C-alpha cells in the first residue's frame, strides 16, 4: 500500500496533480463523451479541495495559509492540466484530432494514447 498514493504524496504538487488528473479523467469517463467541459471543472474542484485539505493540516502556518492554499490549488490544477497546453494555440494537433480542429472543435482535455 505504501507504493501507491500516501498522505505525504498527496501533499506534494506532483502527487496532488496526479490525483487531480486521475479523478477528472475517471469521473469524466463515467459521465460520457460529452463531459470535456466538466472534466476541467472537476479538476479545478479536486485541486482546490486537496490544497485546502493540506492547508487544514498545516498547524504551523497562520491565517494566510487559506489565501496561499487558493494559489496552490491553481498551481496543482495547472500542473494537472498542463500549463503549456492552456492556450489552444499551443496545442499540437495529433493526426486523429486534426479533423476535429479543422471543424473548429478543440481537442479533448486528455487525448487517448491508444
C-alpha atoms as a PDB file:
ATOM      1  CA  UNK A   1       0.000   0.000   0.000  1.00  0.00           C
ATOM      2  CA  UNK A   2       2.925   2.369   0.562  1.00  0.00           C
ATOM      3  CA  UNK A   3       3.822   2.110  -3.140  1.00  0.00           C
ATOM      4  CA  UNK A   4       0.625   3.875  -4.216  1.00  0.00           C
ATOM      5  CA  UNK A   5      -0.683   7.233  -3.005  1.00  0.00           C
ATOM      6  CA  UNK A   6       0.183   8.227   0.550  1.00  0.00           C
ATOM      7  CA  UNK A   7      -0.823  11.299   2.552  1.00  0.00           C
ATOM      8  CA  UNK A   8       2.669  12.662   2.047  1.00  0.00           C
ATOM      9  CA  UNK A   9       2.469  12.149  -1.707  1.00  0.00           C
ATOM     10  CA  UNK A  10      -0.953  13.820  -1.904  1.00  0.00           C
ATOM     11  CA  UNK A  11       0.533  16.807  -0.073  1.00  0.00           C
ATOM     12  CA  UNK A  12       3.117  17.312  -2.815  1.00  0.00           C
ATOM     13  CA  UNK A  13       2.471  19.131  -6.080  1.00  0.00           C
ATOM     14  CA  UNK A  14       3.273  16.041  -8.130  1.00  0.00           C
ATOM     15  CA  UNK A  15       1.009  13.746  -6.094  1.00  0.00           C
ATOM     16  CA  UNK A  16      -1.861  16.212  -5.945  1.00  0.00           C
ATOM     17  CA  UNK A  17      -1.560  16.873  -9.684  1.00  0.00           C
ATOM     18  CA  UNK A  18      -1.647  13.166 -10.448  1.00  0.00           C
ATOM     19  CA  UNK A  19      -4.668  12.656  -8.182  1.00  0.00           C
ATOM     20  CA  UNK A  20      -6.410  15.625  -9.813  1.00  0.00           C
ATOM     21  CA  UNK A  21      -5.762  14.334 -13.318  1.00  0.00           C
ATOM     22  CA  UNK A  22      -6.840  10.793 -12.451  1.00  0.00           C
ATOM     23  CA  UNK A  23     -10.023  11.909 -10.712  1.00  0.00           C
ATOM     24  CA  UNK A  24     -11.053  14.240 -13.533  1.00  0.00           C
ATOM     25  CA  UNK A  25     -10.444  11.584 -16.166  1.00  0.00           C
ATOM     26  CA  UNK A  26     -12.200   8.767 -14.316  1.00  0.00           C
ATOM     27  CA  UNK A  27     -15.258  10.841 -13.396  1.00  0.00           C
ATOM     28  CA  UNK A  28     -15.313  12.422 -16.870  1.00  0.00           C
ATOM     29  CA  UNK A  29     -15.103   8.978 -18.427  1.00  0.00           C
ATOM     30  CA  UNK A  30     -18.033   7.813 -16.345  1.00  0.00           C
ATOM     31  CA  UNK A  31     -20.077  10.852 -17.375  1.00  0.00           C
ATOM     32  CA  UNK A  32     -19.596  10.093 -21.071  1.00  0.00           C
ATOM     33  CA  UNK A  33     -18.042  11.583 -24.190  1.00  0.00           C
ATOM     34  CA  UNK A  34     -19.699  15.000 -23.792  1.00  0.00           C
ATOM     35  CA  UNK A  35     -18.041  15.670 -20.440  1.00  0.00           C
ATOM     36  CA  UNK A  36     -14.903  17.506 -21.617  1.00  0.00           C
ATOM     37  CA  UNK A  37     -16.020  20.811 -20.074  1.00  0.00           C
ATOM     38  CA  UNK A  38     -16.994  19.047 -16.872  1.00  0.00           C
ATOM     39  CA  UNK A  39     -13.509  17.498 -16.602  1.00  0.00           C
ATOM     40  CA  UNK A  40     -11.907  20.918 -16.313  1.00  0.00           C
ATOM     41  CA  UNK A  41     -14.287  21.964 -13.531  1.00  0.00           C
ATOM     42  CA  UNK A  42     -13.861  18.627 -11.771  1.00  0.00           C
ATOM     43  CA  UNK A  43     -10.076  19.054 -11.959  1.00  0.00           C
ATOM     44  CA  UNK A  44     -10.295  22.565 -10.529  1.00  0.00           C
ATOM     45  CA  UNK A  45     -12.552  21.385  -7.701  1.00  0.00           C
ATOM     46  CA  UNK A  46     -10.284  18.460  -6.816  1.00  0.00           C
ATOM     47  CA  UNK A  47      -7.163  20.638  -6.955  1.00  0.00           C
ATOM     48  CA  UNK A  48      -8.677  23.253  -4.634  1.00  0.00           C
ATOM     49  CA  UNK A  49     -10.046  20.566  -2.296  1.00  0.00           C
ATOM     50  CA  UNK A  50      -6.635  18.892  -1.974  1.00  0.00           C
ATOM     51  CA  UNK A  51      -4.947  22.244  -1.467  1.00  0.00           C
ATOM     52  CA  UNK A  52      -7.367  23.367   1.259  1.00  0.00           C
ATOM     53  CA  UNK A  53      -7.189  19.942   2.934  1.00  0.00           C
ATOM     54  CA  UNK A  54      -3.408  20.236   3.045  1.00  0.00           C
ATOM     55  CA  UNK A  55      -3.730  23.746   4.485  1.00  0.00           C
ATOM     56  CA  UNK A  56      -6.102  22.476   7.172  1.00  0.00           C
ATOM     57  CA  UNK A  57      -3.404  20.109   8.421  1.00  0.00           C
ATOM     58  CA  UNK A  58      -0.700  22.810   8.417  1.00  0.00           C
ATOM     59  CA  UNK A  59      -0.628  23.757  12.084  1.00  0.00           C
ATOM     60  CA  UNK A  60       2.470  25.943  11.983  1.00  0.00           C
ATOM     61  CA  UNK A  61       1.000  28.359   9.406  1.00  0.00           C
ATOM     62  CA  UNK A  62      -1.102  31.393  10.238  1.00  0.00           C
ATOM     63  CA  UNK A  63      -4.314  32.685   8.719  1.00  0.00           C
ATOM     64  CA  UNK A  64      -2.605  33.483   5.432  1.00  0.00           C
ATOM     65  CA  UNK A  65      -2.475  29.752   4.691  1.00  0.00           C
ATOM     66  CA  UNK A  66      -6.009  29.939   3.253  1.00  0.00           C
ATOM     67  CA  UNK A  67      -5.005  32.513   0.654  1.00  0.00           C
ATOM     68  CA  UNK A  68      -1.872  30.550  -0.156  1.00  0.00           C
ATOM     69  CA  UNK A  69      -3.982  27.379  -0.411  1.00  0.00           C
ATOM     70  CA  UNK A  70      -6.058  29.019  -3.133  1.00  0.00           C
ATOM     71  CA  UNK A  71      -2.983  29.792  -5.220  1.00  0.00           C
ATOM     72  CA  UNK A  72      -1.527  26.346  -4.520  1.00  0.00           C
ATOM     73  CA  UNK A  73      -4.777  24.873  -5.833  1.00  0.00           C
ATOM     74  CA  UNK A  74      -4.308  26.821  -9.051  1.00  0.00           C
ATOM     75  CA  UNK A  75      -0.745  25.512  -9.308  1.00  0.00           C
ATOM     76  CA  UNK A  76      -1.993  21.930  -8.844  1.00  0.00           C
ATOM     77  CA  UNK A  77      -4.722  22.472 -11.445  1.00  0.00           C
ATOM     78  CA  UNK A  78      -2.234  23.980 -13.898  1.00  0.00           C
ATOM     79  CA  UNK A  79       0.205  21.121 -13.399  1.00  0.00           C
ATOM     80  CA  UNK A  80      -2.554  18.538 -13.888  1.00  0.00           C
ATOM     81  CA  UNK A  81      -3.950  20.270 -16.964  1.00  0.00           C
ATOM     82  CA  UNK A  82      -0.579  21.134 -18.440  1.00  0.00           C
ATOM     83  CA  UNK A  83       0.305  24.790 -18.143  1.00  0.00           C
ATOM     84  CA  UNK A  84       1.834  24.881 -21.598  1.00  0.00           C
ATOM     85  CA  UNK A  85      -1.372  23.411 -23.055  1.00  0.00           C
ATOM     86  CA  UNK A  86      -3.811  26.029 -21.725  1.00  0.00           C
ATOM     87  CA  UNK A  87      -3.963  28.359 -24.760  1.00  0.00           C
ATOM     88  CA  UNK A  88      -5.418  26.379 -27.685  1.00  0.00           C
ATOM     89  CA  UNK A  89      -2.779  27.877 -29.990  1.00  0.00           C
ATOM     90  CA  UNK A  90      -0.069  25.996 -28.051  1.00  0.00           C
ATOM     91  CA  UNK A  91      -1.632  22.586 -28.601  1.00  0.00           C
ATOM     92  CA  UNK A  92      -0.073  20.403 -31.241  1.00  0.00           C
ATOM     93  CA  UNK A  93      -2.834  18.592 -33.154  1.00  0.00           C
ATOM     94  CA  UNK A  94      -2.455  14.859 -33.428  1.00  0.00           C
ATOM     95  CA  UNK A  95      -3.385  13.137 -36.650  1.00  0.00           C
ATOM     96  CA  UNK A  96      -6.576  11.836 -35.039  1.00  0.00           C
ATOM     97  CA  UNK A  97      -7.637  15.297 -33.849  1.00  0.00           C
ATOM     98  CA  UNK A  98      -6.660  17.205 -36.997  1.00  0.00           C
ATOM     99  CA  UNK A  99     -10.126  16.701 -38.452  1.00  0.00           C
ATOM    100  CA  UNK A 100     -11.802  17.954 -35.288  1.00  0.00           C
ATOM    101  CA  UNK A 101      -9.577  21.047 -35.235  1.00  0.00           C
ATOM    102  CA  UNK A 102     -10.369  21.757 -38.875  1.00  0.00           C
ATOM    103  CA  UNK A 103     -14.072  21.740 -37.975  1.00  0.00           C
ATOM    104  CA  UNK A 104     -13.482  24.300 -35.188  1.00  0.00           C
ATOM    105  CA  UNK A 105     -13.685  21.891 -32.263  1.00  0.00           C
ATOM    106  CA  UNK A 106     -10.996  21.901 -29.598  1.00  0.00           C
ATOM    107  CA  UNK A 107      -9.168  18.674 -28.741  1.00  0.00           C
ATOM    108  CA  UNK A 108     -10.158  16.742 -25.635  1.00  0.00           C
ATOM    109  CA  UNK A 109      -8.784  17.623 -22.198  1.00  0.00           C
ATOM    110  CA  UNK A 110      -6.705  14.429 -22.232  1.00  0.00           C
ATOM    111  CA  UNK A 111      -6.257  12.652 -25.516  1.00  0.00           C
ATOM    112  CA  UNK A 112      -6.306   8.896 -25.656  1.00  0.00           C
ATOM    113  CA  UNK A 113      -2.877   7.345 -26.059  1.00  0.00           C
ATOM    114  CA  UNK A 114      -4.346   4.205 -27.612  1.00  0.00           C
END
